[in-house]
Amino acid sequence: MDLKTTLKTPGWHRTLLLRRFLAVFLFALATSLMVRSLIATDPLAVVIRSDVPAGQTVEASDVELREIPDELLPSTAFTSIDDVVGLVAASTLSAGEIATAPRFIGNELINSLVTNVTENSGIEEINMVPLKLADPSVIPLLQHGDTISVVSHEPDTGLSETIAAGGTVILAGGTDPSSILVALPRSIAEQVAARSLSSPLAVVLTGDRAVGHPS
């Protein structure tokens, strides 16, 4: 009896043949999935091995490469340890987190944080300016991304004077606990830097975190 006749004729032979076909199909499918799982690997990404304090430079011993499922990998993740070593942490990096560009001081961080600055300054270039504060005790209260105004006192009258508004905190404290790093439009950053040479400076929190919520 040929194969065509066997398949058309009900009976034990047809059942046996169909079972064999099904077994071969399932075996081929399982083999294909196993081979695919062996060949396909999750992409490698840089992961923080141990906590890195804000303002500290990342060293090779602080990071490692790990396989991260593609669906969990941020678009700004680093995939090479060499690209991370030497960068400065904008805020404390926790062990186990994926290293992403906005977590370090640089253009990616500025672009993600200074929307309020660019809206106020049009297309003017953004600069970062380090500021020593007259009262460093307020620095631990600041977070990177905070919107602030920089204030001083008017030399003749002694009254308070706002010398820059809409600044964005890039780094609070870090290796120098008495200073902060602020992003401002270039012209304003230069004015603030010059003023810091002759007058004590303070900051006022003006962004979303400064808005009180009634209980």
N, C-alpha and C. Protein backbone atom coordinates (compact mmCIF):
# COMPACT_ATOMS: atom_id res chain seq x y z
N MET A 1 0.85 -1.18 0.00
CA MET A 1 0.00 0.00 0.00
C MET A 1 0.89 1.24 0.00
N ASP A 2 0.65 2.16 -0.93
CA ASP A 2 1.50 3.35 -1.01
C ASP A 2 1.05 4.38 0.03
N LEU A 3 1.88 5.47 0.18
CA LEU A 3 1.63 6.49 1.20
C LEU A 3 0.29 7.20 0.98
N LYS A 4 -0.03 7.52 -0.27
CA LYS A 4 -1.25 8.23 -0.57
C LYS A 4 -2.47 7.41 -0.18
N THR A 5 -2.43 6.15 -0.48
CA THR A 5 -3.55 5.27 -0.16
C THR A 5 -3.69 5.10 1.34
N THR A 6 -2.52 4.99 2.04
CA THR A 6 -2.53 4.80 3.49
C THR A 6 -3.20 5.97 4.19
N LEU A 7 -2.89 7.21 3.70
CA LEU A 7 -3.44 8.40 4.32
C LEU A 7 -4.93 8.53 4.08
N LYS A 8 -5.40 8.02 2.96
CA LYS A 8 -6.82 8.12 2.64
C LYS A 8 -7.64 7.04 3.32
N THR A 9 -7.00 5.94 3.72
CA THR A 9 -7.72 4.79 4.25
C THR A 9 -7.69 4.81 5.77
N PRO A 10 -8.86 4.90 6.42
CA PRO A 10 -8.89 4.86 7.89
C PRO A 10 -8.34 3.54 8.39
N GLY A 11 -7.66 3.63 9.58
CA GLY A 11 -7.16 2.40 10.15
C GLY A 11 -5.88 2.61 10.92
N TRP A 12 -5.36 1.48 11.40
CA TRP A 12 -4.18 1.53 12.27
C TRP A 12 -2.96 2.09 11.55
N HIS A 13 -2.78 1.73 10.28
CA HIS A 13 -1.60 2.20 9.53
C HIS A 13 -1.61 3.72 9.39
N ARG A 14 -2.77 4.31 9.10
CA ARG A 14 -2.83 5.75 8.93
C ARG A 14 -2.55 6.45 10.27
N THR A 15 -3.12 5.92 11.35
CA THR A 15 -2.89 6.51 12.67
C THR A 15 -1.41 6.49 13.04
N LEU A 16 -0.76 5.34 12.79
CA LEU A 16 0.66 5.21 13.09
C LEU A 16 1.49 6.19 12.27
N LEU A 17 1.16 6.34 11.01
CA LEU A 17 1.91 7.23 10.13
C LEU A 17 1.75 8.69 10.57
N LEU A 18 0.52 9.08 10.92
CA LEU A 18 0.28 10.45 11.38
C LEU A 18 1.02 10.74 12.68
N ARG A 19 1.07 9.74 13.55
CA ARG A 19 1.80 9.92 14.81
C ARG A 19 3.30 10.11 14.55
N ARG A 20 3.80 9.35 13.58
CA ARG A 20 5.22 9.49 13.25
C ARG A 20 5.51 10.87 12.67
N PHE A 21 4.61 11.33 11.80
CA PHE A 21 4.77 12.67 11.22
C PHE A 21 4.78 13.73 12.33
N LEU A 22 3.83 13.58 13.28
CA LEU A 22 3.73 14.54 14.37
C LEU A 22 4.97 14.50 15.24
N ALA A 23 5.47 13.30 15.51
CA ALA A 23 6.67 13.17 16.34
C ALA A 23 7.88 13.81 15.67
N VAL A 24 8.02 13.59 14.37
CA VAL A 24 9.14 14.19 13.64
C VAL A 24 9.03 15.72 13.64
N PHE A 25 7.78 16.21 13.45
CA PHE A 25 7.57 17.67 13.44
C PHE A 25 7.92 18.27 14.80
N LEU A 26 7.46 17.68 15.89
CA LEU A 26 7.74 18.20 17.22
C LEU A 26 9.22 18.14 17.54
N PHE A 27 9.88 17.07 17.12
CA PHE A 27 11.32 16.94 17.35
C PHE A 27 12.08 18.03 16.60
N ALA A 28 11.67 18.26 15.34
CA ALA A 28 12.33 19.31 14.55
C ALA A 28 12.10 20.69 15.16
N LEU A 29 10.89 20.93 15.66
CA LEU A 29 10.58 22.21 16.28
C LEU A 29 11.40 22.41 17.55
N ALA A 30 11.48 21.38 18.38
CA ALA A 30 12.24 21.47 19.63
C ALA A 30 13.73 21.70 19.33
N THR A 31 14.23 20.99 18.34
CA THR A 31 15.64 21.15 17.96
C THR A 31 15.90 22.57 17.48
N SER A 32 14.98 23.10 16.68
CA SER A 32 15.13 24.46 16.16
C SER A 32 15.16 25.49 17.29
N LEU A 33 14.24 25.34 18.25
CA LEU A 33 14.19 26.26 19.38
C LEU A 33 15.45 26.17 20.24
N MET A 34 15.95 24.95 20.43
CA MET A 34 17.14 24.77 21.24
C MET A 34 18.35 25.41 20.57
N VAL A 35 18.50 25.19 19.27
CA VAL A 35 19.61 25.78 18.53
C VAL A 35 19.52 27.31 18.57
N ARG A 36 18.30 27.81 18.40
CA ARG A 36 18.12 29.26 18.43
C ARG A 36 18.50 29.85 19.78
N SER A 37 18.12 29.15 20.87
CA SER A 37 18.45 29.66 22.20
C SER A 37 19.94 29.62 22.47
N LEU A 38 20.63 28.64 21.86
CA LEU A 38 22.08 28.55 22.04
C LEU A 38 22.81 29.63 21.25
N ILE A 39 22.27 29.94 20.09
CA ILE A 39 22.92 30.93 19.23
C ILE A 39 22.61 32.34 19.68
N ALA A 40 21.32 32.60 19.99
CA ALA A 40 20.91 33.95 20.36
C ALA A 40 21.32 34.26 21.80
N THR A 41 21.93 35.41 22.04
CA THR A 41 22.31 35.84 23.36
C THR A 41 21.81 37.25 23.60
N ASP A 42 21.56 37.56 24.87
CA ASP A 42 21.15 38.92 25.21
C ASP A 42 22.32 39.87 25.01
N PRO A 43 22.04 41.12 24.65
CA PRO A 43 23.13 42.08 24.45
C PRO A 43 23.84 42.38 25.76
N LEU A 44 25.12 42.76 25.65
CA LEU A 44 25.92 43.12 26.81
C LEU A 44 25.78 44.60 27.10
N ALA A 45 25.72 44.95 28.37
CA ALA A 45 25.64 46.36 28.77
C ALA A 45 26.51 46.56 30.01
N VAL A 46 26.95 47.79 30.21
CA VAL A 46 27.76 48.12 31.38
C VAL A 46 26.85 48.27 32.60
N VAL A 47 27.22 47.58 33.67
CA VAL A 47 26.45 47.61 34.91
C VAL A 47 27.37 48.04 36.05
N ILE A 48 26.85 48.85 36.96
CA ILE A 48 27.61 49.32 38.11
C ILE A 48 27.81 48.16 39.10
N ARG A 49 29.06 47.90 39.47
CA ARG A 49 29.36 46.80 40.40
C ARG A 49 29.20 47.22 41.86
N SER A 50 29.64 48.44 42.18
CA SER A 50 29.55 48.94 43.56
C SER A 50 29.16 50.41 43.53
N ASP A 51 28.57 50.89 44.60
CA ASP A 51 28.09 52.27 44.64
C ASP A 51 29.20 53.26 44.29
N VAL A 52 28.84 54.23 43.45
CA VAL A 52 29.77 55.30 43.08
C VAL A 52 29.16 56.62 43.53
N PRO A 53 29.79 57.33 44.46
CA PRO A 53 29.22 58.59 44.97
C PRO A 53 29.15 59.67 43.90
N ALA A 54 28.24 60.60 44.07
CA ALA A 54 28.12 61.73 43.15
C ALA A 54 29.44 62.50 43.09
N GLY A 55 29.84 62.88 41.89
CA GLY A 55 31.07 63.64 41.71
C GLY A 55 32.32 62.80 41.58
N GLN A 56 32.20 61.50 41.78
CA GLN A 56 33.38 60.64 41.70
C GLN A 56 33.58 60.12 40.28
N THR A 57 34.82 59.99 39.90
CA THR A 57 35.16 59.47 38.58
C THR A 57 35.07 57.95 38.58
N VAL A 58 34.43 57.39 37.57
CA VAL A 58 34.24 55.94 37.49
C VAL A 58 35.55 55.27 37.08
N GLU A 59 35.90 54.22 37.81
CA GLU A 59 37.08 53.42 37.49
C GLU A 59 36.65 52.06 36.94
N ALA A 60 37.60 51.37 36.33
CA ALA A 60 37.28 50.08 35.70
C ALA A 60 36.75 49.08 36.73
N SER A 61 37.21 49.17 37.97
CA SER A 61 36.76 48.23 39.00
C SER A 61 35.33 48.50 39.46
N ASP A 62 34.78 49.65 39.07
CA ASP A 62 33.42 50.01 39.49
C ASP A 62 32.35 49.41 38.58
N VAL A 63 32.75 48.89 37.41
CA VAL A 63 31.76 48.46 36.42
C VAL A 63 32.12 47.09 35.86
N GLU A 64 31.14 46.49 35.20
CA GLU A 64 31.35 45.22 34.52
C GLU A 64 30.30 45.07 33.42
N LEU A 65 30.56 44.14 32.50
CA LEU A 65 29.60 43.85 31.43
C LEU A 65 28.70 42.69 31.85
N ARG A 66 27.41 42.85 31.63
CA ARG A 66 26.45 41.78 31.90
C ARG A 66 25.47 41.69 30.74
N GLU A 67 24.90 40.49 30.58
CA GLU A 67 23.86 40.31 29.57
C GLU A 67 22.55 40.87 30.13
N ILE A 68 21.92 41.72 29.34
CA ILE A 68 20.65 42.33 29.73
C ILE A 68 19.61 42.02 28.66
N PRO A 69 18.44 41.52 29.04
CA PRO A 69 17.41 41.27 28.02
C PRO A 69 17.15 42.51 27.18
N ASP A 70 17.04 42.32 25.90
CA ASP A 70 16.93 43.44 24.98
C ASP A 70 15.78 44.37 25.33
N GLU A 71 14.66 43.80 25.79
CA GLU A 71 13.50 44.63 26.09
C GLU A 71 13.70 45.47 27.35
N LEU A 72 14.71 45.16 28.15
CA LEU A 72 14.99 45.92 29.37
C LEU A 72 16.16 46.88 29.22
N LEU A 73 16.77 46.92 28.04
CA LEU A 73 17.96 47.72 27.82
C LEU A 73 17.59 49.12 27.38
N PRO A 74 17.93 50.15 28.17
CA PRO A 74 17.62 51.53 27.77
C PRO A 74 18.39 51.92 26.52
N SER A 75 17.83 52.83 25.75
CA SER A 75 18.49 53.27 24.52
C SER A 75 19.78 54.03 24.79
N THR A 76 19.92 54.60 26.01
CA THR A 76 21.12 55.37 26.34
C THR A 76 22.15 54.56 27.12
N ALA A 77 21.97 53.24 27.18
CA ALA A 77 22.88 52.39 27.94
C ALA A 77 24.24 52.31 27.26
N PHE A 78 25.29 52.21 28.07
CA PHE A 78 26.64 52.01 27.55
C PHE A 78 26.88 50.52 27.33
N THR A 79 27.57 50.19 26.25
CA THR A 79 27.87 48.80 25.94
C THR A 79 29.36 48.51 25.97
N SER A 80 30.16 49.51 26.31
CA SER A 80 31.61 49.33 26.39
C SER A 80 32.11 49.94 27.70
N ILE A 81 32.90 49.18 28.44
CA ILE A 81 33.45 49.67 29.70
C ILE A 81 34.36 50.88 29.46
N ASP A 82 35.10 50.86 28.36
CA ASP A 82 36.01 51.97 28.05
C ASP A 82 35.26 53.30 27.92
N ASP A 83 33.99 53.24 27.50
CA ASP A 83 33.21 54.47 27.32
C ASP A 83 32.76 55.06 28.66
N VAL A 84 32.78 54.25 29.71
CA VAL A 84 32.29 54.69 31.02
C VAL A 84 33.43 55.10 31.94
N VAL A 85 34.54 54.39 31.86
CA VAL A 85 35.68 54.70 32.73
C VAL A 85 36.14 56.14 32.47
N GLY A 86 36.27 56.91 33.55
CA GLY A 86 36.69 58.30 33.43
C GLY A 86 35.55 59.30 33.49
N LEU A 87 34.31 58.82 33.35
CA LEU A 87 33.16 59.71 33.46
C LEU A 87 32.90 60.05 34.93
N VAL A 88 32.22 61.18 35.15
CA VAL A 88 31.93 61.63 36.51
C VAL A 88 30.45 61.43 36.80
N ALA A 89 30.17 60.75 37.91
CA ALA A 89 28.77 60.48 38.29
C ALA A 89 28.07 61.77 38.68
N ALA A 90 26.90 62.00 38.09
CA ALA A 90 26.11 63.19 38.41
C ALA A 90 25.38 63.04 39.74
N SER A 91 25.03 61.83 40.08
CA SER A 91 24.44 61.52 41.38
C SER A 91 24.91 60.11 41.73
N THR A 92 24.65 59.70 42.95
CA THR A 92 25.15 58.40 43.38
C THR A 92 24.63 57.28 42.48
N LEU A 93 25.55 56.46 41.98
CA LEU A 93 25.20 55.31 41.16
C LEU A 93 25.13 54.08 42.06
N SER A 94 24.03 53.35 41.97
CA SER A 94 23.82 52.22 42.84
C SER A 94 24.29 50.93 42.20
N ALA A 95 24.84 50.05 43.01
CA ALA A 95 25.29 48.75 42.51
C ALA A 95 24.13 48.02 41.85
N GLY A 96 24.38 47.47 40.67
CA GLY A 96 23.37 46.71 39.95
C GLY A 96 22.63 47.49 38.89
N GLU A 97 22.74 48.82 38.88
CA GLU A 97 22.02 49.59 37.87
C GLU A 97 22.79 49.63 36.56
N ILE A 98 22.05 49.74 35.47
CA ILE A 98 22.65 49.85 34.14
C ILE A 98 23.19 51.26 33.96
N ALA A 99 24.41 51.36 33.48
CA ALA A 99 25.03 52.67 33.26
C ALA A 99 24.45 53.31 32.01
N THR A 100 23.81 54.46 32.19
CA THR A 100 23.22 55.19 31.07
C THR A 100 23.80 56.60 31.01
N ALA A 101 23.84 57.16 29.83
CA ALA A 101 24.49 58.46 29.62
C ALA A 101 23.96 59.57 30.52
N PRO A 102 22.64 59.70 30.73
CA PRO A 102 22.16 60.82 31.56
C PRO A 102 22.57 60.74 33.03
N ARG A 103 23.18 59.63 33.46
CA ARG A 103 23.61 59.50 34.85
C ARG A 103 24.99 60.09 35.09
N PHE A 104 25.62 60.58 34.01
CA PHE A 104 26.96 61.14 34.12
C PHE A 104 26.97 62.57 33.61
N ILE A 105 27.92 63.35 34.11
CA ILE A 105 28.03 64.73 33.70
C ILE A 105 28.48 64.79 32.24
N GLY A 106 27.71 65.45 31.42
CA GLY A 106 28.02 65.55 30.00
C GLY A 106 26.81 66.03 29.22
N ASN A 107 26.90 66.00 27.90
CA ASN A 107 25.84 66.54 27.05
C ASN A 107 24.51 65.82 27.23
N GLU A 108 24.56 64.49 27.40
CA GLU A 108 23.31 63.73 27.55
C GLU A 108 22.56 64.19 28.80
N LEU A 109 23.31 64.40 29.88
CA LEU A 109 22.68 64.84 31.12
C LEU A 109 22.09 66.23 30.96
N ILE A 110 22.86 67.12 30.35
CA ILE A 110 22.37 68.49 30.16
C ILE A 110 21.09 68.48 29.32
N ASN A 111 21.10 67.73 28.23
CA ASN A 111 19.93 67.70 27.35
C ASN A 111 18.71 67.17 28.07
N SER A 112 18.90 66.27 29.02
CA SER A 112 17.76 65.67 29.71
C SER A 112 17.26 66.53 30.87
N LEU A 113 18.06 67.50 31.31
CA LEU A 113 17.70 68.26 32.51
C LEU A 113 17.42 69.74 32.29
N VAL A 114 17.97 70.33 31.24
CA VAL A 114 17.94 71.79 31.15
C VAL A 114 16.86 72.31 30.21
N THR A 115 15.75 71.63 30.09
CA THR A 115 14.66 72.11 29.25
C THR A 115 14.23 73.51 29.66
N ASN A 116 14.15 73.74 30.96
CA ASN A 116 13.72 75.05 31.43
C ASN A 116 14.72 76.14 31.05
N VAL A 117 16.00 75.80 31.00
CA VAL A 117 17.02 76.78 30.62
C VAL A 117 16.91 77.12 29.15
N THR A 118 16.80 76.10 28.30
CA THR A 118 16.77 76.36 26.87
C THR A 118 15.49 77.08 26.46
N GLU A 119 14.38 76.83 27.17
CA GLU A 119 13.15 77.54 26.84
C GLU A 119 13.29 79.03 27.11
N ASN A 120 14.05 79.37 28.15
CA ASN A 120 14.21 80.77 28.51
C ASN A 120 15.29 81.47 27.69
N SER A 121 16.20 80.71 27.10
CA SER A 121 17.35 81.32 26.44
C SER A 121 17.35 81.14 24.94
N GLY A 122 16.30 80.54 24.38
CA GLY A 122 16.28 80.34 22.93
C GLY A 122 17.34 79.33 22.51
N ILE A 123 18.19 79.73 21.58
CA ILE A 123 19.19 78.81 21.06
C ILE A 123 20.57 79.09 21.64
N GLU A 124 20.64 79.92 22.68
CA GLU A 124 21.95 80.23 23.26
C GLU A 124 22.61 78.98 23.84
N GLU A 125 23.90 78.88 23.65
CA GLU A 125 24.67 77.73 24.13
C GLU A 125 24.58 77.64 25.65
N ILE A 126 24.48 76.39 26.13
CA ILE A 126 24.42 76.15 27.57
C ILE A 126 25.81 75.82 28.09
N ASN A 127 26.20 76.48 29.17
CA ASN A 127 27.48 76.21 29.81
C ASN A 127 27.24 75.73 31.24
N MET A 128 28.22 75.02 31.76
CA MET A 128 28.18 74.60 33.16
C MET A 128 29.16 75.45 33.95
N VAL A 129 28.72 75.98 35.07
CA VAL A 129 29.57 76.83 35.89
C VAL A 129 29.57 76.31 37.34
N PRO A 130 30.77 76.08 37.90
CA PRO A 130 30.85 75.66 39.30
C PRO A 130 30.71 76.87 40.22
N LEU A 131 29.93 76.71 41.29
CA LEU A 131 29.69 77.81 42.21
C LEU A 131 29.97 77.37 43.64
N LYS A 132 30.77 78.18 44.35
CA LYS A 132 30.95 77.96 45.78
C LYS A 132 29.88 78.77 46.51
N LEU A 133 29.17 78.13 47.40
CA LEU A 133 28.08 78.81 48.09
C LEU A 133 28.54 79.33 49.44
N ALA A 134 27.96 80.46 49.82
CA ALA A 134 28.30 81.06 51.11
C ALA A 134 27.89 80.14 52.26
N ASP A 135 26.80 79.39 52.07
CA ASP A 135 26.32 78.46 53.09
C ASP A 135 26.24 77.05 52.50
N PRO A 136 27.34 76.29 52.57
CA PRO A 136 27.36 74.95 51.96
C PRO A 136 26.38 73.97 52.60
N SER A 137 25.82 74.31 53.77
CA SER A 137 24.93 73.36 54.45
C SER A 137 23.66 73.09 53.65
N VAL A 138 23.33 73.95 52.67
CA VAL A 138 22.12 73.73 51.89
C VAL A 138 22.35 72.73 50.75
N ILE A 139 23.61 72.46 50.45
CA ILE A 139 23.92 71.61 49.28
C ILE A 139 23.32 70.21 49.39
N PRO A 140 23.38 69.54 50.54
CA PRO A 140 22.77 68.21 50.62
C PRO A 140 21.28 68.19 50.35
N LEU A 141 20.63 69.36 50.42
CA LEU A 141 19.20 69.44 50.15
C LEU A 141 18.89 69.52 48.66
N LEU A 142 19.92 69.78 47.85
CA LEU A 142 19.72 69.92 46.40
C LEU A 142 19.88 68.57 45.71
N GLN A 143 19.21 68.43 44.58
CA GLN A 143 19.31 67.24 43.75
C GLN A 143 19.64 67.66 42.32
N HIS A 144 20.35 66.77 41.59
CA HIS A 144 20.62 67.13 40.20
C HIS A 144 19.29 67.17 39.44
N GLY A 145 19.13 68.22 38.66
CA GLY A 145 17.88 68.46 37.95
C GLY A 145 17.03 69.55 38.58
N ASP A 146 17.36 69.94 39.82
CA ASP A 146 16.61 71.02 40.47
C ASP A 146 16.76 72.33 39.70
N THR A 147 15.70 73.12 39.68
CA THR A 147 15.74 74.47 39.10
C THR A 147 15.98 75.47 40.23
N ILE A 148 16.94 76.35 40.01
CA ILE A 148 17.32 77.29 41.07
C ILE A 148 17.50 78.70 40.53
N SER A 149 17.49 79.66 41.43
CA SER A 149 17.95 81.01 41.15
C SER A 149 19.20 81.25 41.98
N VAL A 150 20.16 81.97 41.39
CA VAL A 150 21.39 82.32 42.10
C VAL A 150 21.23 83.75 42.61
N VAL A 151 21.43 83.93 43.90
CA VAL A 151 21.24 85.26 44.49
C VAL A 151 22.50 85.70 45.21
N SER A 152 22.65 87.00 45.33
CA SER A 152 23.74 87.61 46.08
C SER A 152 23.19 88.87 46.73
N HIS A 153 24.06 89.77 47.16
CA HIS A 153 23.57 91.03 47.71
C HIS A 153 24.12 92.19 46.89
N GLU A 154 23.32 93.21 46.78
CA GLU A 154 23.71 94.40 46.03
C GLU A 154 24.77 95.16 46.84
N PRO A 155 25.96 95.38 46.24
CA PRO A 155 27.07 95.95 47.01
C PRO A 155 26.75 97.26 47.72
N ASP A 156 25.98 98.13 47.09
CA ASP A 156 25.73 99.46 47.67
C ASP A 156 24.67 99.43 48.77
N THR A 157 23.61 98.68 48.54
CA THR A 157 22.50 98.69 49.49
C THR A 157 22.51 97.49 50.44
N GLY A 158 23.18 96.41 50.05
CA GLY A 158 23.18 95.21 50.87
C GLY A 158 21.93 94.38 50.72
N LEU A 159 21.01 94.83 49.85
CA LEU A 159 19.78 94.08 49.62
C LEU A 159 20.04 92.88 48.72
N SER A 160 19.18 91.87 48.83
CA SER A 160 19.35 90.68 48.00
C SER A 160 19.11 91.02 46.53
N GLU A 161 19.82 90.29 45.67
CA GLU A 161 19.74 90.53 44.23
C GLU A 161 19.82 89.20 43.49
N THR A 162 18.85 88.95 42.63
CA THR A 162 18.88 87.73 41.81
C THR A 162 19.77 87.99 40.59
N ILE A 163 20.82 87.23 40.47
CA ILE A 163 21.75 87.43 39.35
C ILE A 163 21.58 86.38 38.27
N ALA A 164 20.82 85.32 38.54
CA ALA A 164 20.53 84.31 37.51
C ALA A 164 19.30 83.54 37.93
N ALA A 165 18.38 83.34 37.00
CA ALA A 165 17.17 82.58 37.28
C ALA A 165 17.07 81.42 36.28
N GLY A 166 16.38 80.36 36.68
CA GLY A 166 16.17 79.23 35.78
C GLY A 166 17.38 78.36 35.57
N GLY A 167 18.34 78.40 36.50
CA GLY A 167 19.50 77.51 36.39
C GLY A 167 19.12 76.08 36.75
N THR A 168 19.89 75.13 36.26
CA THR A 168 19.63 73.73 36.55
C THR A 168 20.83 73.11 37.24
N VAL A 169 20.59 72.47 38.38
CA VAL A 169 21.67 71.82 39.13
C VAL A 169 22.10 70.56 38.38
N ILE A 170 23.38 70.51 38.02
CA ILE A 170 23.93 69.32 37.37
C ILE A 170 24.59 68.41 38.40
N LEU A 171 25.28 69.01 39.36
CA LEU A 171 25.95 68.23 40.41
C LEU A 171 25.88 69.02 41.70
N ALA A 172 25.45 68.37 42.76
CA ALA A 172 25.37 69.02 44.07
C ALA A 172 26.39 68.37 45.00
N GLY A 173 27.42 69.13 45.38
CA GLY A 173 28.44 68.60 46.27
C GLY A 173 29.47 67.79 45.52
N GLY A 174 29.39 66.47 45.62
CA GLY A 174 30.37 65.63 44.95
C GLY A 174 31.70 65.66 45.68
N THR A 175 32.79 65.72 44.92
CA THR A 175 34.12 65.70 45.54
C THR A 175 34.41 66.99 46.30
N ASP A 176 33.74 68.09 45.93
CA ASP A 176 33.88 69.35 46.66
C ASP A 176 32.54 69.65 47.34
N PRO A 177 32.44 69.37 48.64
CA PRO A 177 31.14 69.50 49.32
C PRO A 177 30.66 70.93 49.47
N SER A 178 31.49 71.90 49.10
CA SER A 178 31.08 73.30 49.26
C SER A 178 30.63 73.93 47.95
N SER A 179 30.59 73.16 46.86
CA SER A 179 30.26 73.75 45.57
C SER A 179 29.20 72.93 44.84
N ILE A 180 28.56 73.58 43.89
CA ILE A 180 27.60 72.93 43.01
C ILE A 180 27.96 73.27 41.57
N LEU A 181 27.47 72.45 40.66
CA LEU A 181 27.67 72.68 39.23
C LEU A 181 26.32 73.00 38.63
N VAL A 182 26.22 74.16 37.98
CA VAL A 182 24.94 74.65 37.48
C VAL A 182 25.02 74.90 35.98
N ALA A 183 23.95 74.53 35.26
CA ALA A 183 23.86 74.80 33.82
C ALA A 183 23.08 76.09 33.60
N LEU A 184 23.68 76.99 32.82
CA LEU A 184 23.05 78.27 32.52
C LEU A 184 23.40 78.67 31.09
N PRO A 185 22.59 79.55 30.47
CA PRO A 185 22.98 80.11 29.18
C PRO A 185 24.35 80.76 29.30
N ARG A 186 25.15 80.68 28.23
CA ARG A 186 26.54 81.10 28.30
C ARG A 186 26.73 82.50 28.86
N SER A 187 25.97 83.48 28.37
CA SER A 187 26.15 84.86 28.82
C SER A 187 25.88 85.01 30.30
N ILE A 188 24.84 84.30 30.79
CA ILE A 188 24.51 84.39 32.21
C ILE A 188 25.54 83.63 33.04
N ALA A 189 26.01 82.49 32.54
CA ALA A 189 27.02 81.71 33.25
C ALA A 189 28.28 82.54 33.46
N GLU A 190 28.66 83.31 32.45
CA GLU A 190 29.86 84.15 32.57
C GLU A 190 29.65 85.24 33.62
N GLN A 191 28.47 85.82 33.66
CA GLN A 191 28.17 86.85 34.66
C GLN A 191 28.21 86.28 36.07
N VAL A 192 27.63 85.10 36.23
CA VAL A 192 27.61 84.47 37.54
C VAL A 192 29.02 84.11 37.99
N ALA A 193 29.81 83.57 37.08
CA ALA A 193 31.19 83.20 37.42
C ALA A 193 31.98 84.43 37.84
N ALA A 194 31.80 85.54 37.12
CA ALA A 194 32.51 86.77 37.47
C ALA A 194 32.06 87.30 38.83
N ARG A 195 30.76 87.24 39.08
CA ARG A 195 30.22 87.75 40.35
C ARG A 195 30.71 86.92 41.53
N SER A 196 30.92 85.63 41.30
CA SER A 196 31.34 84.76 42.40
C SER A 196 32.74 85.11 42.91
N LEU A 197 33.51 85.84 42.11
CA LEU A 197 34.86 86.21 42.51
C LEU A 197 34.86 87.32 43.56
N SER A 198 33.76 88.08 43.65
CA SER A 198 33.75 89.22 44.55
C SER A 198 32.61 89.22 45.56
N SER A 199 31.61 88.35 45.37
CA SER A 199 30.45 88.37 46.26
C SER A 199 30.07 86.96 46.68
N PRO A 200 29.59 86.80 47.91
CA PRO A 200 29.08 85.48 48.34
C PRO A 200 27.79 85.15 47.59
N LEU A 201 27.61 83.89 47.28
CA LEU A 201 26.44 83.46 46.51
C LEU A 201 25.59 82.48 47.31
N ALA A 202 24.30 82.53 47.03
CA ALA A 202 23.36 81.58 47.61
C ALA A 202 22.39 81.16 46.51
N VAL A 203 21.64 80.10 46.75
CA VAL A 203 20.68 79.64 45.76
C VAL A 203 19.30 79.52 46.39
N VAL A 204 18.29 79.71 45.56
CA VAL A 204 16.90 79.55 45.97
C VAL A 204 16.27 78.50 45.07
N LEU A 205 15.67 77.49 45.67
CA LEU A 205 15.01 76.43 44.91
C LEU A 205 13.71 76.97 44.33
N THR A 206 13.57 76.92 43.00
CA THR A 206 12.39 77.54 42.35
C THR A 206 11.61 76.57 41.48
N GLY A 207 12.07 75.35 41.31
CA GLY A 207 11.40 74.42 40.41
C GLY A 207 10.23 73.71 41.06
N ASP A 208 9.87 72.56 40.49
CA ASP A 208 8.71 71.81 40.97
C ASP A 208 8.84 71.41 42.44
N ARG A 209 10.06 71.11 42.86
CA ARG A 209 10.24 70.65 44.25
C ARG A 209 10.04 71.79 45.25
N ALA A 210 10.08 73.04 44.74
CA ALA A 210 9.89 74.18 45.64
C ALA A 210 8.42 74.48 45.87
N VAL A 211 7.54 73.85 45.10
CA VAL A 211 6.11 74.10 45.23
C VAL A 211 5.54 73.30 46.38
N GLY A 212 4.95 74.00 47.32
CA GLY A 212 4.38 73.32 48.48
C GLY A 212 3.04 72.71 48.15
N HIS A 213 2.74 71.59 48.77
CA HIS A 213 1.43 70.92 48.57
C HIS A 213 0.70 70.91 49.89
N PRO A 214 -0.47 71.55 49.97
CA PRO A 214 -1.21 71.56 51.24
C PRO A 214 -1.66 70.18 51.64
N SER A 215 -1.63 69.92 52.91
CA SER A 215 -2.03 68.59 53.40
C SER A 215 -3.54 68.48 53.47
